């Protein structure tokens, strides 16, 4: 399980959330067999999803982050709910591109800078809330920061990181969100900017043995923060035989009939967990006939 904390400054003007998402990203890599740069890209998106999911008011609410750039990784998806479950997929799990000049993984080039970040919040209403912005860099954290500034008008600092070991396993992963509520003074903003600028990368702090509480104290130095709550998060897929059958039914009777004539038993693979489900299409058509 991965641990997440949320905290607030003494004056109530700053909200801070942080997560050590190492186990979430490690499970993603195990399932999808991602290359180093796609592990970093999808791992960052999953980390952001977990942080944003923790802000949902109900465990049943969900949030979907969709990144579609012009890079070789293709589409990236992360889905999280208010109960701490997160799952994701990347269209092209294996991408091999040169490192950046500074020796780091070139996530921006893998994702691409020309594209969009879409955020879909399902709050149990008739229609979900959808926000969309152009990608800023494809590095994920900057794009999440831009989303909050443009779509929700919330000044936000987002830091995300994934450290991939030479054998492609996940050594460290984590992130934090720091958000200013209305009424923050210029002095408070300057202090926060200085605090964040003095912090090491999230993965380096985790490598150095810092806890989430240590990160909170560094980010909110001078603000007397107090922890609001903490949550356990995990990579978890809720796919099922019934869900797969509903997805096939949504194709329509004509398409289902054509599929059944070619192959009576359909094998459906879940894009989030790679689990295979077998569906008897003739039985499914019989059920449709019985219910019509």
C-alpha atoms as a PDB file:
ATOM      1  CA  UNK A   1       0.000   0.000   0.000  1.00  0.00           C
ATOM      2  CA  UNK A   2       1.068   3.583  -0.620  1.00  0.00           C
ATOM      3  CA  UNK A   3       0.562   6.244   2.036  1.00  0.00           C
ATOM      4  CA  UNK A   4      -0.906   9.705   1.416  1.00  0.00           C
ATOM      5  CA  UNK A   5      -1.291  12.618   3.822  1.00  0.00           C
ATOM      6  CA  UNK A   6      -3.186  15.903   3.615  1.00  0.00           C
ATOM      7  CA  UNK A   7      -2.364  18.937   5.723  1.00  0.00           C
ATOM      8  CA  UNK A   8      -3.403  22.563   6.162  1.00  0.00           C
ATOM      9  CA  UNK A   9      -1.544  25.656   7.324  1.00  0.00           C
ATOM     10  CA  UNK A  10      -2.458  27.155  10.695  1.00  0.00           C
ATOM     11  CA  UNK A  11      -4.243  30.097   9.063  1.00  0.00           C
ATOM     12  CA  UNK A  12      -6.156  27.773   6.703  1.00  0.00           C
ATOM     13  CA  UNK A  13      -4.753  29.406   3.586  1.00  0.00           C
ATOM     14  CA  UNK A  14      -2.603  26.582   2.242  1.00  0.00           C
ATOM     15  CA  UNK A  15      -3.471  22.942   1.559  1.00  0.00           C
ATOM     16  CA  UNK A  16      -0.704  20.345   1.164  1.00  0.00           C
ATOM     17  CA  UNK A  17      -1.028  16.747  -0.032  1.00  0.00           C
ATOM     18  CA  UNK A  18       1.817  14.259  -0.450  1.00  0.00           C
ATOM     19  CA  UNK A  19       2.154  10.591  -1.356  1.00  0.00           C
ATOM     20  CA  UNK A  20       4.844   7.947  -1.479  1.00  0.00           C
ATOM     21  CA  UNK A  21       3.484   6.123  -4.542  1.00  0.00           C
ATOM     22  CA  UNK A  22       6.355   3.673  -4.975  1.00  0.00           C
ATOM     23  CA  UNK A  23       4.177   0.577  -4.555  1.00  0.00           C
ATOM     24  CA  UNK A  24       1.470   1.911  -6.896  1.00  0.00           C
ATOM     25  CA  UNK A  25       3.961   2.599  -9.685  1.00  0.00           C
ATOM     26  CA  UNK A  26       5.803  -0.684  -9.066  1.00  0.00           C
ATOM     27  CA  UNK A  27       2.548  -2.608  -9.552  1.00  0.00           C
ATOM     28  CA  UNK A  28       1.861  -0.640 -12.735  1.00  0.00           C
ATOM     29  CA  UNK A  29       5.299  -1.551 -14.097  1.00  0.00           C
ATOM     30  CA  UNK A  30       4.778  -5.213 -13.192  1.00  0.00           C
ATOM     31  CA  UNK A  31       1.452  -5.331 -15.058  1.00  0.00           C
ATOM     32  CA  UNK A  32       2.272  -3.260 -18.132  1.00  0.00           C
ATOM     33  CA  UNK A  33       6.007  -4.099 -18.505  1.00  0.00           C
ATOM     34  CA  UNK A  34       6.780  -0.464 -19.263  1.00  0.00           C
ATOM     35  CA  UNK A  35      10.159   0.828 -20.403  1.00  0.00           C
ATOM     36  CA  UNK A  36      11.973   3.326 -18.169  1.00  0.00           C
ATOM     37  CA  UNK A  37      10.595   6.511 -19.728  1.00  0.00           C
ATOM     38  CA  UNK A  38       6.994   5.247 -19.932  1.00  0.00           C
ATOM     39  CA  UNK A  39       7.245   4.053 -16.309  1.00  0.00           C
ATOM     40  CA  UNK A  40       8.192   7.615 -15.407  1.00  0.00           C
ATOM     41  CA  UNK A  41       5.420   9.167 -17.499  1.00  0.00           C
ATOM     42  CA  UNK A  42       2.541   6.910 -16.417  1.00  0.00           C
ATOM     43  CA  UNK A  43       3.935   6.715 -12.871  1.00  0.00           C
ATOM     44  CA  UNK A  44       3.763  10.491 -12.570  1.00  0.00           C
ATOM     45  CA  UNK A  45       0.204  10.528 -13.919  1.00  0.00           C
ATOM     46  CA  UNK A  46      -0.877   7.790 -11.483  1.00  0.00           C
ATOM     47  CA  UNK A  47       0.705   9.730  -8.617  1.00  0.00           C
ATOM     48  CA  UNK A  48      -1.155  12.882  -9.635  1.00  0.00           C
ATOM     49  CA  UNK A  49      -4.360  10.865  -9.942  1.00  0.00           C
ATOM     50  CA  UNK A  50      -3.998   9.493  -6.420  1.00  0.00           C
ATOM     51  CA  UNK A  51      -3.391  12.991  -5.024  1.00  0.00           C
ATOM     52  CA  UNK A  52      -6.404  14.436  -6.854  1.00  0.00           C
ATOM     53  CA  UNK A  53      -8.578  11.433  -5.983  1.00  0.00           C
ATOM     54  CA  UNK A  54      -7.933  12.059  -2.283  1.00  0.00           C
ATOM     55  CA  UNK A  55      -9.661  15.441  -2.680  1.00  0.00           C
ATOM     56  CA  UNK A  56     -12.943  13.864  -3.806  1.00  0.00           C
ATOM     57  CA  UNK A  57     -15.727  14.086  -1.248  1.00  0.00           C
ATOM     58  CA  UNK A  58     -17.053  10.546  -1.610  1.00  0.00           C
ATOM     59  CA  UNK A  59     -15.311   7.160  -1.982  1.00  0.00           C
ATOM     60  CA  UNK A  60     -17.586   6.476  -4.975  1.00  0.00           C
ATOM     61  CA  UNK A  61     -16.530   9.635  -6.822  1.00  0.00           C
ATOM     62  CA  UNK A  62     -13.816   9.242  -9.437  1.00  0.00           C
ATOM     63  CA  UNK A  63     -11.393  11.327 -11.443  1.00  0.00           C
ATOM     64  CA  UNK A  64      -9.852  10.454 -14.805  1.00  0.00           C
ATOM     65  CA  UNK A  65      -6.684  12.091 -16.110  1.00  0.00           C
ATOM     66  CA  UNK A  66      -6.208  11.710 -19.867  1.00  0.00           C
ATOM     67  CA  UNK A  67      -2.990  12.842 -21.538  1.00  0.00           C
ATOM     68  CA  UNK A  68      -2.818  12.697 -25.326  1.00  0.00           C
ATOM     69  CA  UNK A  69       0.349  14.149 -26.773  1.00  0.00           C
ATOM     70  CA  UNK A  70       2.153  13.758 -30.074  1.00  0.00           C
ATOM     71  CA  UNK A  71       4.979  11.677 -28.590  1.00  0.00           C
ATOM     72  CA  UNK A  72       5.632   7.944 -29.132  1.00  0.00           C
ATOM     73  CA  UNK A  73       4.013   6.934 -25.807  1.00  0.00           C
ATOM     74  CA  UNK A  74       0.573   7.777 -27.220  1.00  0.00           C
ATOM     75  CA  UNK A  75      -2.437   7.992 -24.895  1.00  0.00           C
ATOM     76  CA  UNK A  76      -1.935   7.866 -21.120  1.00  0.00           C
ATOM     77  CA  UNK A  77      -4.827   7.337 -18.683  1.00  0.00           C
ATOM     78  CA  UNK A  78      -5.036   7.377 -14.907  1.00  0.00           C
ATOM     79  CA  UNK A  79      -8.283   6.745 -13.007  1.00  0.00           C
ATOM     80  CA  UNK A  80      -8.604   7.268  -9.257  1.00  0.00           C
ATOM     81  CA  UNK A  81     -11.467   7.265  -6.773  1.00  0.00           C
ATOM     82  CA  UNK A  82     -12.055   8.765  -3.360  1.00  0.00           C
ATOM     83  CA  UNK A  83     -11.287   5.455  -1.645  1.00  0.00           C
ATOM     84  CA  UNK A  84      -7.617   5.403  -2.646  1.00  0.00           C
ATOM     85  CA  UNK A  85      -7.850   3.086  -5.661  1.00  0.00           C
ATOM     86  CA  UNK A  86      -5.903   4.083  -8.772  1.00  0.00           C
ATOM     87  CA  UNK A  87      -5.272   2.387 -12.115  1.00  0.00           C
ATOM     88  CA  UNK A  88      -3.791   3.403 -15.435  1.00  0.00           C
ATOM     89  CA  UNK A  89      -2.673   2.486 -18.924  1.00  0.00           C
ATOM     90  CA  UNK A  90      -0.352   3.732 -21.651  1.00  0.00           C
ATOM     91  CA  UNK A  91      -0.991   3.105 -25.337  1.00  0.00           C
ATOM     92  CA  UNK A  92       2.631   2.183 -26.107  1.00  0.00           C
ATOM     93  CA  UNK A  93       4.262   0.716 -22.972  1.00  0.00           C
ATOM     94  CA  UNK A  94       7.736   0.381 -24.496  1.00  0.00           C
ATOM     95  CA  UNK A  95       9.360   3.567 -25.769  1.00  0.00           C
ATOM     96  CA  UNK A  96      13.109   3.946 -26.175  1.00  0.00           C
ATOM     97  CA  UNK A  97      14.417   7.483 -26.600  1.00  0.00           C
ATOM     98  CA  UNK A  98      17.722   9.159 -25.609  1.00  0.00           C
ATOM     99  CA  UNK A  99      18.147  10.684 -22.162  1.00  0.00           C
ATOM    100  CA  UNK A 100      17.949  14.453 -21.784  1.00  0.00           C
ATOM    101  CA  UNK A 101      21.154  16.512 -21.757  1.00  0.00           C
ATOM    102  CA  UNK A 102      21.099  16.435 -17.947  1.00  0.00           C
ATOM    103  CA  UNK A 103      21.023  12.630 -17.955  1.00  0.00           C
ATOM    104  CA  UNK A 104      17.384  12.318 -16.892  1.00  0.00           C
ATOM    105  CA  UNK A 105      14.548  10.444 -18.590  1.00  0.00           C
ATOM    106  CA  UNK A 106      12.981  12.547 -21.346  1.00  0.00           C
ATOM    107  CA  UNK A 107       9.337  12.231 -20.334  1.00  0.00           C
ATOM    108  CA  UNK A 108       8.357  15.379 -22.236  1.00  0.00           C
ATOM    109  CA  UNK A 109       9.550  13.931 -25.549  1.00  0.00           C
ATOM    110  CA  UNK A 110       7.952  10.533 -24.849  1.00  0.00           C
ATOM    111  CA  UNK A 111       4.581  12.158 -24.118  1.00  0.00           C
ATOM    112  CA  UNK A 112       4.915  15.054 -26.557  1.00  0.00           C
ATOM    113  CA  UNK A 113       4.310  18.747 -26.055  1.00  0.00           C
ATOM    114  CA  UNK A 114       1.555  19.163 -28.638  1.00  0.00           C
ATOM    115  CA  UNK A 115      -1.641  17.708 -27.196  1.00  0.00           C
ATOM    116  CA  UNK A 116      -4.114  17.957 -24.339  1.00  0.00           C
ATOM    117  CA  UNK A 117      -4.637  17.109 -20.691  1.00  0.00           C
ATOM    118  CA  UNK A 118      -8.260  16.285 -19.898  1.00  0.00           C
ATOM    119  CA  UNK A 119      -9.622  15.940 -16.373  1.00  0.00           C
ATOM    120  CA  UNK A 120     -12.986  14.221 -15.917  1.00  0.00           C
ATOM    121  CA  UNK A 121     -14.614  14.294 -12.477  1.00  0.00           C
ATOM    122  CA  UNK A 122     -17.508  11.907 -11.923  1.00  0.00           C
ATOM    123  CA  UNK A 123     -19.260  13.161  -8.803  1.00  0.00           C
ATOM    124  CA  UNK A 124     -22.393  11.059  -9.170  1.00  0.00           C
ATOM    125  CA  UNK A 125     -24.299  13.782 -11.016  1.00  0.00           C
ATOM    126  CA  UNK A 126     -26.081  13.366 -14.354  1.00  0.00           C
ATOM    127  CA  UNK A 127     -23.062  14.692 -16.233  1.00  0.00           C
ATOM    128  CA  UNK A 128     -19.390  14.560 -15.217  1.00  0.00           C
ATOM    129  CA  UNK A 129     -17.325  17.737 -14.955  1.00  0.00           C
ATOM    130  CA  UNK A 130     -14.775  17.929 -17.788  1.00  0.00           C
ATOM    131  CA  UNK A 131     -11.833  20.318 -17.988  1.00  0.00           C
ATOM    132  CA  UNK A 132      -9.252  20.369 -20.763  1.00  0.00           C
ATOM    133  CA  UNK A 133      -6.089  22.345 -21.421  1.00  0.00           C
ATOM    134  CA  UNK A 134      -3.257  22.223 -23.976  1.00  0.00           C
ATOM    135  CA  UNK A 135      -0.156  20.434 -22.720  1.00  0.00           C
ATOM    136  CA  UNK A 136       2.547  22.748 -21.419  1.00  0.00           C
ATOM    137  CA  UNK A 137       5.538  20.417 -21.512  1.00  0.00           C
ATOM    138  CA  UNK A 138       4.374  16.795 -21.418  1.00  0.00           C
ATOM    139  CA  UNK A 139       6.355  16.395 -18.194  1.00  0.00           C
ATOM    140  CA  UNK A 140       3.012  15.871 -16.327  1.00  0.00           C
ATOM    141  CA  UNK A 141       3.675  17.956 -13.170  1.00  0.00           C
ATOM    142  CA  UNK A 142       3.818  21.244 -15.105  1.00  0.00           C
ATOM    143  CA  UNK A 143       0.686  20.232 -16.991  1.00  0.00           C
ATOM    144  CA  UNK A 144      -1.215  19.499 -13.752  1.00  0.00           C
ATOM    145  CA  UNK A 145      -0.082  22.879 -12.371  1.00  0.00           C
ATOM    146  CA  UNK A 146      -1.339  24.581 -15.531  1.00  0.00           C
ATOM    147  CA  UNK A 147      -4.667  22.727 -15.350  1.00  0.00           C
ATOM    148  CA  UNK A 148      -5.376  24.057 -11.860  1.00  0.00           C
ATOM    149  CA  UNK A 149      -4.376  27.594 -12.849  1.00  0.00           C
ATOM    150  CA  UNK A 150      -6.416  27.672 -16.074  1.00  0.00           C
ATOM    151  CA  UNK A 151      -9.450  25.481 -15.370  1.00  0.00           C
ATOM    152  CA  UNK A 152      -9.955  25.965 -11.637  1.00  0.00           C
ATOM    153  CA  UNK A 153      -8.113  29.231 -10.924  1.00  0.00           C
ATOM    154  CA  UNK A 154      -6.270  27.652  -7.989  1.00  0.00           C
ATOM    155  CA  UNK A 155      -2.589  28.642  -7.628  1.00  0.00           C
ATOM    156  CA  UNK A 156      -0.874  25.253  -7.358  1.00  0.00           C
ATOM    157  CA  UNK A 157       2.577  23.754  -7.104  1.00  0.00           C
ATOM    158  CA  UNK A 158       2.762  20.145  -8.317  1.00  0.00           C
ATOM    159  CA  UNK A 159       5.883  18.008  -7.922  1.00  0.00           C
ATOM    160  CA  UNK A 160       5.981  14.434  -9.226  1.00  0.00           C
ATOM    161  CA  UNK A 161       8.803  11.960  -9.581  1.00  0.00           C
ATOM    162  CA  UNK A 162       9.614   8.360 -10.504  1.00  0.00           C
ATOM    163  CA  UNK A 163      13.081   6.877 -10.052  1.00  0.00           C
ATOM    164  CA  UNK A 164      13.611   3.808 -12.236  1.00  0.00           C
ATOM    165  CA  UNK A 165      16.328   1.294 -11.352  1.00  0.00           C
ATOM    166  CA  UNK A 166      18.706  -0.109 -14.019  1.00  0.00           C
ATOM    167  CA  UNK A 167      16.683  -3.360 -14.080  1.00  0.00           C
ATOM    168  CA  UNK A 168      13.562  -1.259 -14.872  1.00  0.00           C
ATOM    169  CA  UNK A 169      11.939  -1.845 -11.485  1.00  0.00           C
ATOM    170  CA  UNK A 170      10.655   1.182  -9.600  1.00  0.00           C
ATOM    171  CA  UNK A 171      13.052   2.389  -6.915  1.00  0.00           C
ATOM    172  CA  UNK A 172      11.081   5.431  -5.712  1.00  0.00           C
ATOM    173  CA  UNK A 173       7.945   7.317  -6.721  1.00  0.00           C
ATOM    174  CA  UNK A 174       5.991  10.107  -5.101  1.00  0.00           C
ATOM    175  CA  UNK A 175       4.651  13.603  -5.357  1.00  0.00           C
ATOM    176  CA  UNK A 176       2.984  16.512  -3.663  1.00  0.00           C
ATOM    177  CA  UNK A 177       0.390  19.183  -4.381  1.00  0.00           C
ATOM    178  CA  UNK A 178       0.519  22.538  -2.648  1.00  0.00           C
ATOM    179  CA  UNK A 179      -2.476  24.817  -3.187  1.00  0.00           C
ATOM    180  CA  UNK A 180      -3.228  28.385  -2.131  1.00  0.00           C
ATOM    181  CA  UNK A 181      -6.750  29.202  -1.065  1.00  0.00           C
ATOM    182  CA  UNK A 182      -8.266  32.646  -1.784  1.00  0.00           C
ATOM    183  CA  UNK A 183      -6.882  35.509   0.287  1.00  0.00           C
ATOM    184  CA  UNK A 184      -3.196  34.551   0.372  1.00  0.00           C
ATOM    185  CA  UNK A 185      -0.910  37.572   0.804  1.00  0.00           C
ATOM    186  CA  UNK A 186       2.103  38.371  -1.390  1.00  0.00           C
ATOM    187  CA  UNK A 187       4.328  37.694   1.603  1.00  0.00           C
ATOM    188  CA  UNK A 188       2.841  34.209   2.047  1.00  0.00           C
ATOM    189  CA  UNK A 189       3.221  33.464  -1.657  1.00  0.00           C
ATOM    190  CA  UNK A 190       6.861  34.559  -1.617  1.00  0.00           C
ATOM    191  CA  UNK A 191       7.567  32.429   1.451  1.00  0.00           C
ATOM    192  CA  UNK A 192       6.011  29.346  -0.165  1.00  0.00           C
ATOM    193  CA  UNK A 193       7.929  29.902  -3.400  1.00  0.00           C
ATOM    194  CA  UNK A 194      11.189  30.106  -1.440  1.00  0.00           C
ATOM    195  CA  UNK A 195      10.320  26.957   0.516  1.00  0.00           C
ATOM    196  CA  UNK A 196       9.569  24.929  -2.605  1.00  0.00           C
ATOM    197  CA  UNK A 197      12.640  26.244  -4.447  1.00  0.00           C
ATOM    198  CA  UNK A 198      14.888  25.015  -1.622  1.00  0.00           C
ATOM    199  CA  UNK A 199      13.464  21.467  -1.675  1.00  0.00           C
ATOM    200  CA  UNK A 200      15.169  18.587  -3.486  1.00  0.00           C
ATOM    201  CA  UNK A 201      13.236  16.462  -5.975  1.00  0.00           C
ATOM    202  CA  UNK A 202      10.569  14.201  -4.492  1.00  0.00           C
ATOM    203  CA  UNK A 203      12.454  11.018  -5.383  1.00  0.00           C
ATOM    204  CA  UNK A 204      15.689  12.394  -3.911  1.00  0.00           C
ATOM    205  CA  UNK A 205      13.913  13.268  -0.675  1.00  0.00           C
ATOM    206  CA  UNK A 206      12.489   9.736  -0.519  1.00  0.00           C
ATOM    207  CA  UNK A 207      15.945   8.311  -1.270  1.00  0.00           C
ATOM    208  CA  UNK A 208      17.337  10.424   1.580  1.00  0.00           C
ATOM    209  CA  UNK A 209      14.844   8.834   3.949  1.00  0.00           C
ATOM    210  CA  UNK A 210      12.516  11.822   4.353  1.00  0.00           C
ATOM    211  CA  UNK A 211       8.939  11.042   5.378  1.00  0.00           C
ATOM    212  CA  UNK A 212       5.819  12.693   3.993  1.00  0.00           C
ATOM    213  CA  UNK A 213       5.675  14.687   7.237  1.00  0.00           C
ATOM    214  CA  UNK A 214       9.239  15.897   6.632  1.00  0.00           C
ATOM    215  CA  UNK A 215       8.230  17.090   3.156  1.00  0.00           C
ATOM    216  CA  UNK A 216       5.230  18.866   4.645  1.00  0.00           C
ATOM    217  CA  UNK A 217       7.437  20.699   7.136  1.00  0.00           C
ATOM    218  CA  UNK A 218       9.830  21.781   4.381  1.00  0.00           C
ATOM    219  CA  UNK A 219       7.065  22.975   2.043  1.00  0.00           C
ATOM    220  CA  UNK A 220       5.090  24.744   4.792  1.00  0.00           C
ATOM    221  CA  UNK A 221       7.994  26.043   6.837  1.00  0.00           C
ATOM    222  CA  UNK A 222       6.718  29.098   8.713  1.00  0.00           C
ATOM    223  CA  UNK A 223       3.050  28.136   8.303  1.00  0.00           C
ATOM    224  CA  UNK A 224       2.615  25.792  11.312  1.00  0.00           C
ATOM    225  CA  UNK A 225       0.931  22.997   9.333  1.00  0.00           C
ATOM    226  CA  UNK A 226      -1.398  20.422  10.836  1.00  0.00           C
ATOM    227  CA  UNK A 227      -2.204  17.032   9.312  1.00  0.00           C
ATOM    228  CA  UNK A 228      -5.873  16.751   8.359  1.00  0.00           C
ATOM    229  CA  UNK A 229      -5.975  13.057   7.475  1.00  0.00           C
ATOM    230  CA  UNK A 230      -4.091  10.220   5.873  1.00  0.00           C
ATOM    231  CA  UNK A 231      -5.120   7.510   3.456  1.00  0.00           C
ATOM    232  CA  UNK A 232      -3.806   4.242   2.086  1.00  0.00           C
ATOM    233  CA  UNK A 233      -3.735   4.039  -1.703  1.00  0.00           C
ATOM    234  CA  UNK A 234      -3.134   1.106  -4.031  1.00  0.00           C
ATOM    235  CA  UNK A 235      -3.093   0.162  -7.689  1.00  0.00           C
ATOM    236  CA  UNK A 236      -6.443  -1.580  -8.023  1.00  0.00           C
ATOM    237  CA  UNK A 237      -8.611  -2.524 -11.007  1.00  0.00           C
ATOM    238  CA  UNK A 238     -12.338  -3.131 -10.636  1.00  0.00           C
ATOM    239  CA  UNK A 239     -12.884  -4.872 -13.956  1.00  0.00           C
ATOM    240  CA  UNK A 240     -15.315  -7.806 -13.974  1.00  0.00           C
ATOM    241  CA  UNK A 241     -17.070 -10.235 -16.301  1.00  0.00           C
ATOM    242  CA  UNK A 242     -20.265  -8.191 -16.001  1.00  0.00           C
ATOM    243  CA  UNK A 243     -18.477  -4.957 -16.887  1.00  0.00           C
ATOM    244  CA  UNK A 244     -16.918  -6.547 -19.955  1.00  0.00           C
ATOM    245  CA  UNK A 245     -20.313  -7.860 -21.043  1.00  0.00           C
ATOM    246  CA  UNK A 246     -21.800  -4.372 -20.712  1.00  0.00           C
ATOM    247  CA  UNK A 247     -18.969  -2.982 -22.829  1.00  0.00           C
ATOM    248  CA  UNK A 248     -19.682  -5.543 -25.552  1.00  0.00           C
ATOM    249  CA  UNK A 249     -23.435  -4.833 -25.419  1.00  0.00           C
ATOM    250  CA  UNK A 250     -22.687  -1.141 -25.977  1.00  0.00           C
ATOM    251  CA  UNK A 251     -21.302  -2.073 -29.423  1.00  0.00           C
ATOM    252  CA  UNK A 252     -24.855  -2.800 -30.577  1.00  0.00           C
ATOM    253  CA  UNK A 253     -26.730  -5.918 -31.651  1.00  0.00           C
ATOM    254  CA  UNK A 254     -25.517  -5.795 -35.263  1.00  0.00           C
ATOM    255  CA  UNK A 255     -21.845  -5.639 -34.301  1.00  0.00           C
ATOM    256  CA  UNK A 256     -22.301  -8.344 -31.648  1.00  0.00           C
ATOM    257  CA  UNK A 257     -24.016 -10.673 -34.144  1.00  0.00           C
ATOM    258  CA  UNK A 258     -21.195 -10.240 -36.651  1.00  0.00           C
ATOM    259  CA  UNK A 259     -18.621 -10.942 -33.941  1.00  0.00           C
ATOM    260  CA  UNK A 260     -20.489 -14.044 -32.760  1.00  0.00           C
ATOM    261  CA  UNK A 261     -20.541 -15.479 -36.285  1.00  0.00           C
ATOM    262  CA  UNK A 262     -16.764 -15.111 -36.533  1.00  0.00           C
ATOM    263  CA  UNK A 263     -15.839 -16.163 -32.993  1.00  0.00           C
ATOM    264  CA  UNK A 264     -18.582 -17.342 -30.579  1.00  0.00           C
ATOM    265  CA  UNK A 265     -16.360 -16.836 -27.517  1.00  0.00           C
ATOM    266  CA  UNK A 266     -14.820 -13.373 -27.302  1.00  0.00           C
ATOM    267  CA  UNK A 267     -11.656 -12.800 -25.301  1.00  0.00           C
ATOM    268  CA  UNK A 268     -11.593  -9.318 -23.802  1.00  0.00           C
ATOM    269  CA  UNK A 269      -8.427  -7.981 -22.171  1.00  0.00           C
ATOM    270  CA  UNK A 270      -8.702  -5.214 -19.563  1.00  0.00           C
ATOM    271  CA  UNK A 271      -6.499  -2.288 -20.532  1.00  0.00           C
ATOM    272  CA  UNK A 272      -5.756  -1.468 -16.890  1.00  0.00           C
ATOM    273  CA  UNK A 273      -4.806  -4.857 -15.400  1.00  0.00           C
ATOM    274  CA  UNK A 274      -4.251  -7.101 -18.473  1.00  0.00           C
ATOM    275  CA  UNK A 275      -6.754  -9.608 -17.066  1.00  0.00           C
ATOM    276  CA  UNK A 276      -8.481 -11.698 -19.742  1.00  0.00           C
ATOM    277  CA  UNK A 277     -12.237 -12.265 -19.687  1.00  0.00           C
ATOM    278  CA  UNK A 278     -14.062 -14.776 -21.924  1.00  0.00           C
ATOM    279  CA  UNK A 279     -17.590 -13.908 -23.024  1.00  0.00           C
ATOM    280  CA  UNK A 280     -20.034 -16.252 -24.768  1.00  0.00           C
ATOM    281  CA  UNK A 281     -21.448 -13.905 -27.426  1.00  0.00           C
ATOM    282  CA  UNK A 282     -24.338 -16.209 -28.384  1.00  0.00           C
ATOM    283  CA  UNK A 283     -25.513 -16.301 -24.760  1.00  0.00           C
ATOM    284  CA  UNK A 284     -25.142 -12.534 -24.580  1.00  0.00           C
ATOM    285  CA  UNK A 285     -27.341 -12.147 -27.671  1.00  0.00           C
ATOM    286  CA  UNK A 286     -29.906 -14.535 -26.154  1.00  0.00           C
ATOM    287  CA  UNK A 287     -29.997 -12.375 -23.005  1.00  0.00           C
ATOM    288  CA  UNK A 288     -30.564  -9.285 -25.148  1.00  0.00           C
ATOM    289  CA  UNK A 289     -33.430 -11.023 -26.957  1.00  0.00           C
ATOM    290  CA  UNK A 290     -34.983 -12.105 -23.648  1.00  0.00           C
ATOM    291  CA  UNK A 291     -34.815  -8.582 -22.244  1.00  0.00           C
ATOM    292  CA  UNK A 292     -36.093  -6.808 -25.360  1.00  0.00           C
END
